[in-house]
């Protein structure tokens, strides 16, 4: 659940009191970007925490993970 804190100069501050799953957060952020692009919502700063995970950028190699089974791994763009 995301709680609105305030809007200052078309910048919205959001805070999620509970951890947000990484895939859910990505979906929410992609929707937000689309809404910003159409002018339906302002830019936002979102304060949130994810459950433990690894993110792997476009140049990441699976062999570089020291302990790949410790946490879920999410490919990022």
PDB file of N, CA and C in Angstrom:
ATOM      1  N   UNK A   1       0.850  -1.179   0.000  1.00  0.00           N
ATOM      2  CA  UNK A   1       0.000   0.000   0.000  1.00  0.00           C
ATOM      3  C   UNK A   1       0.891   1.235   0.000  1.00  0.00           C
ATOM      4  N   UNK A   2       0.550   2.221  -0.809  1.00  0.00           N
ATOM      5  CA  UNK A   2       1.306   3.455  -0.897  1.00  0.00           C
ATOM      6  C   UNK A   2       0.487   4.581  -0.301  1.00  0.00           C
ATOM      7  N   UNK A   3       1.128   5.385   0.525  1.00  0.00           N
ATOM      8  CA  UNK A   3       0.463   6.490   1.205  1.00  0.00           C
ATOM      9  C   UNK A   3       0.994   7.801   0.634  1.00  0.00           C
ATOM     10  N   UNK A   4       0.114   8.712   0.225  1.00  0.00           N
ATOM     11  CA  UNK A   4       0.538  10.015  -0.260  1.00  0.00           C
ATOM     12  C   UNK A   4       0.905  10.888   0.926  1.00  0.00           C
ATOM     13  N   UNK A   5       2.067  11.548   0.843  1.00  0.00           N
ATOM     14  CA  UNK A   5       2.498  12.430   1.917  1.00  0.00           C
ATOM     15  C   UNK A   5       2.141  13.877   1.584  1.00  0.00           C
ATOM     16  N   UNK A   6       2.620  14.387   0.460  1.00  0.00           N
ATOM     17  CA  UNK A   6       2.271  15.746   0.049  1.00  0.00           C
ATOM     18  C   UNK A   6       2.735  15.998  -1.384  1.00  0.00           C
ATOM     19  N   UNK A   7       2.305  17.100  -1.944  1.00  0.00           N
ATOM     20  CA  UNK A   7       2.713  17.494  -3.286  1.00  0.00           C
ATOM     21  C   UNK A   7       3.299  18.897  -3.195  1.00  0.00           C
ATOM     22  N   UNK A   8       4.550  19.056  -3.630  1.00  0.00           N
ATOM     23  CA  UNK A   8       5.221  20.346  -3.620  1.00  0.00           C
ATOM     24  C   UNK A   8       5.737  20.617  -5.023  1.00  0.00           C
ATOM     25  N   UNK A   9       5.295  21.729  -5.615  1.00  0.00           N
ATOM     26  CA  UNK A   9       5.768  22.103  -6.946  1.00  0.00           C
ATOM     27  C   UNK A   9       5.685  20.951  -7.939  1.00  0.00           C
ATOM     28  N   UNK A  10       4.558  20.305  -7.972  1.00  0.00           N
ATOM     29  CA  UNK A  10       4.325  19.191  -8.895  1.00  0.00           C
ATOM     30  C   UNK A  10       5.279  18.023  -8.667  1.00  0.00           C
ATOM     31  N   UNK A  11       5.727  17.861  -7.449  1.00  0.00           N
ATOM     32  CA  UNK A  11       6.518  16.698  -7.057  1.00  0.00           C
ATOM     33  C   UNK A  11       5.786  16.016  -5.915  1.00  0.00           C
ATOM     34  N   UNK A  12       5.447  14.762  -6.101  1.00  0.00           N
ATOM     35  CA  UNK A  12       4.699  14.038  -5.086  1.00  0.00           C
ATOM     36  C   UNK A  12       5.658  13.133  -4.305  1.00  0.00           C
ATOM     37  N   UNK A  13       5.541  13.195  -2.993  1.00  0.00           N
ATOM     38  CA  UNK A  13       6.324  12.334  -2.112  1.00  0.00           C
ATOM     39  C   UNK A  13       5.438  11.186  -1.663  1.00  0.00           C
ATOM     40  N   UNK A  14       5.896   9.955  -1.871  1.00  0.00           N
ATOM     41  CA  UNK A  14       5.139   8.770  -1.502  1.00  0.00           C
ATOM     42  C   UNK A  14       5.953   7.954  -0.509  1.00  0.00           C
ATOM     43  N   UNK A  15       5.267   7.288   0.399  1.00  0.00           N
ATOM     44  CA  UNK A  15       5.939   6.434   1.377  1.00  0.00           C
ATOM     45  C   UNK A  15       5.132   5.154   1.540  1.00  0.00           C
ATOM     46  N   UNK A  16       5.809   4.022   1.443  1.00  0.00           N
ATOM     47  CA  UNK A  16       5.174   2.729   1.686  1.00  0.00           C
ATOM     48  C   UNK A  16       5.694   2.200   3.013  1.00  0.00           C
ATOM     49  N   UNK A  17       4.817   2.059   4.003  1.00  0.00           N
ATOM     50  CA  UNK A  17       5.267   1.635   5.327  1.00  0.00           C
ATOM     51  C   UNK A  17       5.708   0.175   5.388  1.00  0.00           C
ATOM     52  N   UNK A  18       5.212  -0.644   4.471  1.00  0.00           N
ATOM     53  CA  UNK A  18       5.572  -2.059   4.438  1.00  0.00           C
ATOM     54  C   UNK A  18       6.429  -2.343   3.203  1.00  0.00           C
ATOM     55  N   UNK A  19       7.260  -3.385   3.252  1.00  0.00           N
ATOM     56  CA  UNK A  19       8.051  -3.732   2.061  1.00  0.00           C
ATOM     57  C   UNK A  19       7.152  -3.988   0.853  1.00  0.00           C
ATOM     58  N   UNK A  20       7.643  -3.572  -0.308  1.00  0.00           N
ATOM     59  CA  UNK A  20       6.926  -3.745  -1.578  1.00  0.00           C
ATOM     60  C   UNK A  20       7.740  -4.706  -2.434  1.00  0.00           C
ATOM     61  N   UNK A  21       7.111  -5.760  -2.926  1.00  0.00           N
ATOM     62  CA  UNK A  21       7.810  -6.717  -3.782  1.00  0.00           C
ATOM     63  C   UNK A  21       8.387  -5.996  -5.001  1.00  0.00           C
ATOM     64  N   UNK A  22       9.596  -6.373  -5.377  1.00  0.00           N
ATOM     65  CA  UNK A  22      10.280  -5.686  -6.480  1.00  0.00           C
ATOM     66  C   UNK A  22       9.447  -5.679  -7.766  1.00  0.00           C
ATOM     67  N   UNK A  23       8.898  -6.823  -8.225  1.00  0.00           N
ATOM     68  CA  UNK A  23       8.115  -6.775  -9.470  1.00  0.00           C
ATOM     69  C   UNK A  23       6.906  -5.839  -9.374  1.00  0.00           C
ATOM     70  N   UNK A  24       6.256  -5.807  -8.225  1.00  0.00           N
ATOM     71  CA  UNK A  24       5.115  -4.902  -8.029  1.00  0.00           C
ATOM     72  C   UNK A  24       5.572  -3.446  -8.107  1.00  0.00           C
ATOM     73  N   UNK A  25       6.707  -3.139  -7.492  1.00  0.00           N
ATOM     74  CA  UNK A  25       7.230  -1.771  -7.516  1.00  0.00           C
ATOM     75  C   UNK A  25       7.582  -1.348  -8.943  1.00  0.00           C
ATOM     76  N   UNK A  26       8.179  -2.254  -9.701  1.00  0.00           N
ATOM     77  CA  UNK A  26       8.526  -1.933 -11.096  1.00  0.00           C
ATOM     78  C   UNK A  26       7.261  -1.630 -11.886  1.00  0.00           C
ATOM     79  N   UNK A  27       6.225  -2.455 -11.721  1.00  0.00           N
ATOM     80  CA  UNK A  27       4.958  -2.208 -12.430  1.00  0.00           C
ATOM     81  C   UNK A  27       4.379  -0.843 -12.058  1.00  0.00           C
ATOM     82  N   UNK A  28       4.388  -0.521 -10.772  1.00  0.00           N
ATOM     83  CA  UNK A  28       3.862   0.770 -10.311  1.00  0.00           C
ATOM     84  C   UNK A  28       4.679   1.917 -10.901  1.00  0.00           C
ATOM     85  N   UNK A  29       6.000   1.775 -10.899  1.00  0.00           N
ATOM     86  CA  UNK A  29       6.853   2.841 -11.442  1.00  0.00           C
ATOM     87  C   UNK A  29       6.654   3.007 -12.943  1.00  0.00           C
ATOM     88  N   UNK A  30       6.493   1.893 -13.670  1.00  0.00           N
ATOM     89  CA  UNK A  30       6.256   2.006 -15.112  1.00  0.00           C
ATOM     90  C   UNK A  30       4.928   2.696 -15.395  1.00  0.00           C
ATOM     91  N   UNK A  31       3.906   2.369 -14.606  1.00  0.00           N
ATOM     92  CA  UNK A  31       2.616   3.058 -14.751  1.00  0.00           C
ATOM     93  C   UNK A  31       2.765   4.548 -14.439  1.00  0.00           C
ATOM     94  N   UNK A  32       3.553   4.860 -13.428  1.00  0.00           N
ATOM     95  CA  UNK A  32       3.757   6.258 -13.045  1.00  0.00           C
ATOM     96  C   UNK A  32       4.454   7.030 -14.152  1.00  0.00           C
ATOM     97  N   UNK A  33       5.474   6.425 -14.747  1.00  0.00           N
ATOM     98  CA  UNK A  33       6.191   7.080 -15.851  1.00  0.00           C
ATOM     99  C   UNK A  33       5.234   7.389 -16.994  1.00  0.00           C
ATOM    100  N   UNK A  34       4.363   6.440 -17.310  1.00  0.00           N
ATOM    101  CA  UNK A  34       3.386   6.677 -18.377  1.00  0.00           C
ATOM    102  C   UNK A  34       2.455   7.828 -18.005  1.00  0.00           C
ATOM    103  N   UNK A  35       2.015   7.891 -16.753  1.00  0.00           N
ATOM    104  CA  UNK A  35       1.122   8.970 -16.303  1.00  0.00           C
ATOM    105  C   UNK A  35       1.840  10.318 -16.285  1.00  0.00           C
ATOM    106  N   UNK A  36       3.111  10.320 -15.945  1.00  0.00           N
ATOM    107  CA  UNK A  36       3.900  11.561 -15.989  1.00  0.00           C
ATOM    108  C   UNK A  36       4.012  12.031 -17.436  1.00  0.00           C
ATOM    109  N   UNK A  37       4.281  11.076 -18.325  1.00  0.00           N
ATOM    110  CA  UNK A  37       4.444  11.408 -19.746  1.00  0.00           C
ATOM    111  C   UNK A  37       3.179  12.028 -20.335  1.00  0.00           C
ATOM    112  N   UNK A  38       2.010  11.554 -19.910  1.00  0.00           N
ATOM    113  CA  UNK A  38       0.753  12.105 -20.433  1.00  0.00           C
ATOM    114  C   UNK A  38       0.295  13.342 -19.669  1.00  0.00           C
ATOM    115  N   UNK A  39       0.992  13.664 -18.574  1.00  0.00           N
ATOM    116  CA  UNK A  39       0.619  14.827 -17.785  1.00  0.00           C
ATOM    117  C   UNK A  39      -0.455  14.558 -16.758  1.00  0.00           C
ATOM    118  N   UNK A  40      -0.805  13.294 -16.558  1.00  0.00           N
ATOM    119  CA  UNK A  40      -1.859  12.955 -15.606  1.00  0.00           C
ATOM    120  C   UNK A  40      -1.388  12.956 -14.150  1.00  0.00           C
ATOM    121  N   UNK A  41      -0.085  12.753 -13.929  1.00  0.00           N
ATOM    122  CA  UNK A  41       0.454  12.751 -12.572  1.00  0.00           C
ATOM    123  C   UNK A  41       1.798  13.467 -12.563  1.00  0.00           C
ATOM    124  N   UNK A  42       2.154  14.047 -11.403  1.00  0.00           N
ATOM    125  CA  UNK A  42       3.461  14.707 -11.309  1.00  0.00           C
ATOM    126  C   UNK A  42       4.568  13.679 -11.061  1.00  0.00           C
ATOM    127  N   UNK A  43       5.800  14.124 -11.196  1.00  0.00           N
ATOM    128  CA  UNK A  43       6.921  13.280 -10.824  1.00  0.00           C
ATOM    129  C   UNK A  43       6.814  12.961  -9.342  1.00  0.00           C
ATOM    130  N   UNK A  44       7.473  11.876  -8.920  1.00  0.00           N
ATOM    131  CA  UNK A  44       7.334  11.443  -7.540  1.00  0.00           C
ATOM    132  C   UNK A  44       8.663  10.935  -6.985  1.00  0.00           C
ATOM    133  N   UNK A  45       8.799  11.077  -5.694  1.00  0.00           N
ATOM    134  CA  UNK A  45       9.863  10.436  -4.929  1.00  0.00           C
ATOM    135  C   UNK A  45       9.154   9.414  -4.060  1.00  0.00           C
ATOM    136  N   UNK A  46       9.542   8.153  -4.197  1.00  0.00           N
ATOM    137  CA  UNK A  46       8.868   7.074  -3.490  1.00  0.00           C
ATOM    138  C   UNK A  46       9.848   6.446  -2.508  1.00  0.00           C
ATOM    139  N   UNK A  47       9.538   6.560  -1.244  1.00  0.00           N
ATOM    140  CA  UNK A  47      10.349   5.957  -0.197  1.00  0.00           C
ATOM    141  C   UNK A  47       9.770   4.583   0.099  1.00  0.00           C
ATOM    142  N   UNK A  48      10.545   3.547  -0.197  1.00  0.00           N
ATOM    143  CA  UNK A  48      10.055   2.190  -0.010  1.00  0.00           C
ATOM    144  C   UNK A  48      11.207   1.245   0.257  1.00  0.00           C
ATOM    145  N   UNK A  49      10.842   0.084   0.700  1.00  0.00           N
ATOM    146  CA  UNK A  49      11.808  -0.974   0.966  1.00  0.00           C
ATOM    147  C   UNK A  49      11.295  -2.235   0.270  1.00  0.00           C
ATOM    148  N   UNK A  50      12.231  -3.012  -0.276  1.00  0.00           N
ATOM    149  CA  UNK A  50      11.888  -4.302  -0.866  1.00  0.00           C
ATOM    150  C   UNK A  50      12.317  -5.411   0.094  1.00  0.00           C
ATOM    151  N   UNK A  51      11.699  -6.583  -0.007  1.00  0.00           N
ATOM    152  CA  UNK A  51      12.282  -7.731   0.668  1.00  0.00           C
ATOM    153  C   UNK A  51      13.684  -7.966   0.081  1.00  0.00           C
ATOM    154  N   UNK A  52      14.560  -8.700   0.769  1.00  0.00           N
ATOM    155  CA  UNK A  52      15.921  -8.916   0.251  1.00  0.00           C
ATOM    156  C   UNK A  52      15.915  -9.491  -1.171  1.00  0.00           C
ATOM    157  N   UNK A  53      16.791  -8.942  -2.023  1.00  0.00           N
ATOM    158  CA  UNK A  53      16.894  -9.375  -3.412  1.00  0.00           C
ATOM    159  C   UNK A  53      18.203  -8.890  -4.006  1.00  0.00           C
ATOM    160  N   UNK A  54      18.531  -9.435  -5.153  1.00  0.00           N
ATOM    161  CA  UNK A  54      19.642  -8.942  -5.956  1.00  0.00           C
ATOM    162  C   UNK A  54      19.053  -8.361  -7.240  1.00  0.00           C
ATOM    163  N   UNK A  55      19.654  -7.285  -7.754  1.00  0.00           N
ATOM    164  CA  UNK A  55      19.309  -6.810  -9.086  1.00  0.00           C
ATOM    165  C   UNK A  55      20.541  -6.987  -9.956  1.00  0.00           C
ATOM    166  N   UNK A  56      20.305  -7.361 -11.196  1.00  0.00           N
ATOM    167  CA  UNK A  56      21.391  -7.597 -12.143  1.00  0.00           C
ATOM    168  C   UNK A  56      21.174  -6.702 -13.346  1.00  0.00           C
ATOM    169  N   UNK A  57      22.098  -5.796 -13.573  1.00  0.00           N
ATOM    170  CA  UNK A  57      22.007  -4.875 -14.705  1.00  0.00           C
ATOM    171  C   UNK A  57      22.299  -5.571 -16.015  1.00  0.00           C
ATOM    172  N   UNK A  58      22.280  -4.799 -17.094  1.00  0.00           N
ATOM    173  CA  UNK A  58      22.425  -5.370 -18.430  1.00  0.00           C
ATOM    174  C   UNK A  58      23.782  -6.023 -18.652  1.00  0.00           C
ATOM    175  N   UNK A  59      24.807  -5.614 -17.919  1.00  0.00           N
ATOM    176  CA  UNK A  59      26.134  -6.217 -18.110  1.00  0.00           C
ATOM    177  C   UNK A  59      26.437  -7.293 -17.071  1.00  0.00           C
ATOM    178  N   UNK A  60      25.473  -7.644 -16.234  1.00  0.00           N
ATOM    179  CA  UNK A  60      25.699  -8.638 -15.184  1.00  0.00           C
ATOM    180  C   UNK A  60      25.838 -10.037 -15.781  1.00  0.00           C
ATOM    181  N   UNK A  61      26.724 -10.799 -15.188  1.00  0.00           N
ATOM    182  CA  UNK A  61      26.901 -12.197 -15.584  1.00  0.00           C
ATOM    183  C   UNK A  61      26.539 -13.068 -14.383  1.00  0.00           C
ATOM    184  N   UNK A  62      25.766 -14.129 -14.593  1.00  0.00           N
ATOM    185  CA  UNK A  62      25.380 -14.996 -13.467  1.00  0.00           C
ATOM    186  C   UNK A  62      26.575 -15.480 -12.651  1.00  0.00           C
ATOM    187  N   UNK A  63      27.705 -15.704 -13.280  1.00  0.00           N
ATOM    188  CA  UNK A  63      28.895 -16.193 -12.562  1.00  0.00           C
ATOM    189  C   UNK A  63      29.438 -15.167 -11.572  1.00  0.00           C
ATOM    190  N   UNK A  64      29.038 -13.905 -11.707  1.00  0.00           N
ATOM    191  CA  UNK A  64      29.524 -12.859 -10.805  1.00  0.00           C
ATOM    192  C   UNK A  64      28.842 -12.884  -9.443  1.00  0.00           C
ATOM    193  N   UNK A  65      27.712 -13.567  -9.332  1.00  0.00           N
ATOM    194  CA  UNK A  65      27.019 -13.638  -8.049  1.00  0.00           C
ATOM    195  C   UNK A  65      27.734 -14.632  -7.137  1.00  0.00           C
ATOM    196  N   UNK A  66      28.126 -14.159  -5.974  1.00  0.00           N
ATOM    197  CA  UNK A  66      28.839 -14.996  -5.018  1.00  0.00           C
ATOM    198  C   UNK A  66      27.921 -16.059  -4.434  1.00  0.00           C
ATOM    199  N   UNK A  67      26.686 -15.688  -4.130  1.00  0.00           N
ATOM    200  CA  UNK A  67      25.729 -16.609  -3.512  1.00  0.00           C
ATOM    201  C   UNK A  67      24.367 -16.425  -4.193  1.00  0.00           C
ATOM    202  N   UNK A  68      24.212 -16.905  -5.445  1.00  0.00           N
ATOM    203  CA  UNK A  68      23.005 -16.605  -6.225  1.00  0.00           C
ATOM    204  C   UNK A  68      21.714 -17.198  -5.670  1.00  0.00           C
ATOM    205  N   UNK A  69      21.813 -18.160  -4.770  1.00  0.00           N
ATOM    206  CA  UNK A  69      20.595 -18.761  -4.229  1.00  0.00           C
ATOM    207  C   UNK A  69      20.154 -18.117  -2.922  1.00  0.00           C
ATOM    208  N   UNK A  70      20.913 -17.135  -2.458  1.00  0.00           N
ATOM    209  CA  UNK A  70      20.586 -16.489  -1.175  1.00  0.00           C
ATOM    210  C   UNK A  70      19.297 -15.671  -1.257  1.00  0.00           C
ATOM    211  N   UNK A  71      19.163 -14.896  -2.362  1.00  0.00           N
ATOM    212  CA  UNK A  71      17.999 -14.038  -2.567  1.00  0.00           C
ATOM    213  C   UNK A  71      17.557 -14.189  -4.021  1.00  0.00           C
ATOM    214  N   UNK A  72      16.307 -13.839  -4.332  1.00  0.00           N
ATOM    215  CA  UNK A  72      15.882 -13.824  -5.740  1.00  0.00           C
ATOM    216  C   UNK A  72      16.706 -12.809  -6.526  1.00  0.00           C
ATOM    217  N   UNK A  73      16.935 -13.103  -7.801  1.00  0.00           N
ATOM    218  CA  UNK A  73      17.686 -12.217  -8.684  1.00  0.00           C
ATOM    219  C   UNK A  73      16.735 -11.686  -9.739  1.00  0.00           C
ATOM    220  N   UNK A  74      16.727 -10.356  -9.924  1.00  0.00           N
ATOM    221  CA  UNK A  74      15.875  -9.708 -10.911  1.00  0.00           C
ATOM    222  C   UNK A  74      16.744  -8.988 -11.930  1.00  0.00           C
ATOM    223  N   UNK A  75      16.528  -9.303 -13.189  1.00  0.00           N
ATOM    224  CA  UNK A  75      17.226  -8.593 -14.267  1.00  0.00           C
ATOM    225  C   UNK A  75      16.635  -7.195 -14.380  1.00  0.00           C
ATOM    226  N   UNK A  76      17.499  -6.210 -14.556  1.00  0.00           N
ATOM    227  CA  UNK A  76      17.046  -4.833 -14.703  1.00  0.00           C
ATOM    228  C   UNK A  76      17.548  -4.279 -16.018  1.00  0.00           C
ATOM    229  N   UNK A  77      16.918  -3.206 -16.477  1.00  0.00           N
ATOM    230  CA  UNK A  77      17.320  -2.559 -17.720  1.00  0.00           C
ATOM    231  C   UNK A  77      18.223  -1.483 -17.460  1.00  0.00           C
TER     232      UNK A  77
END
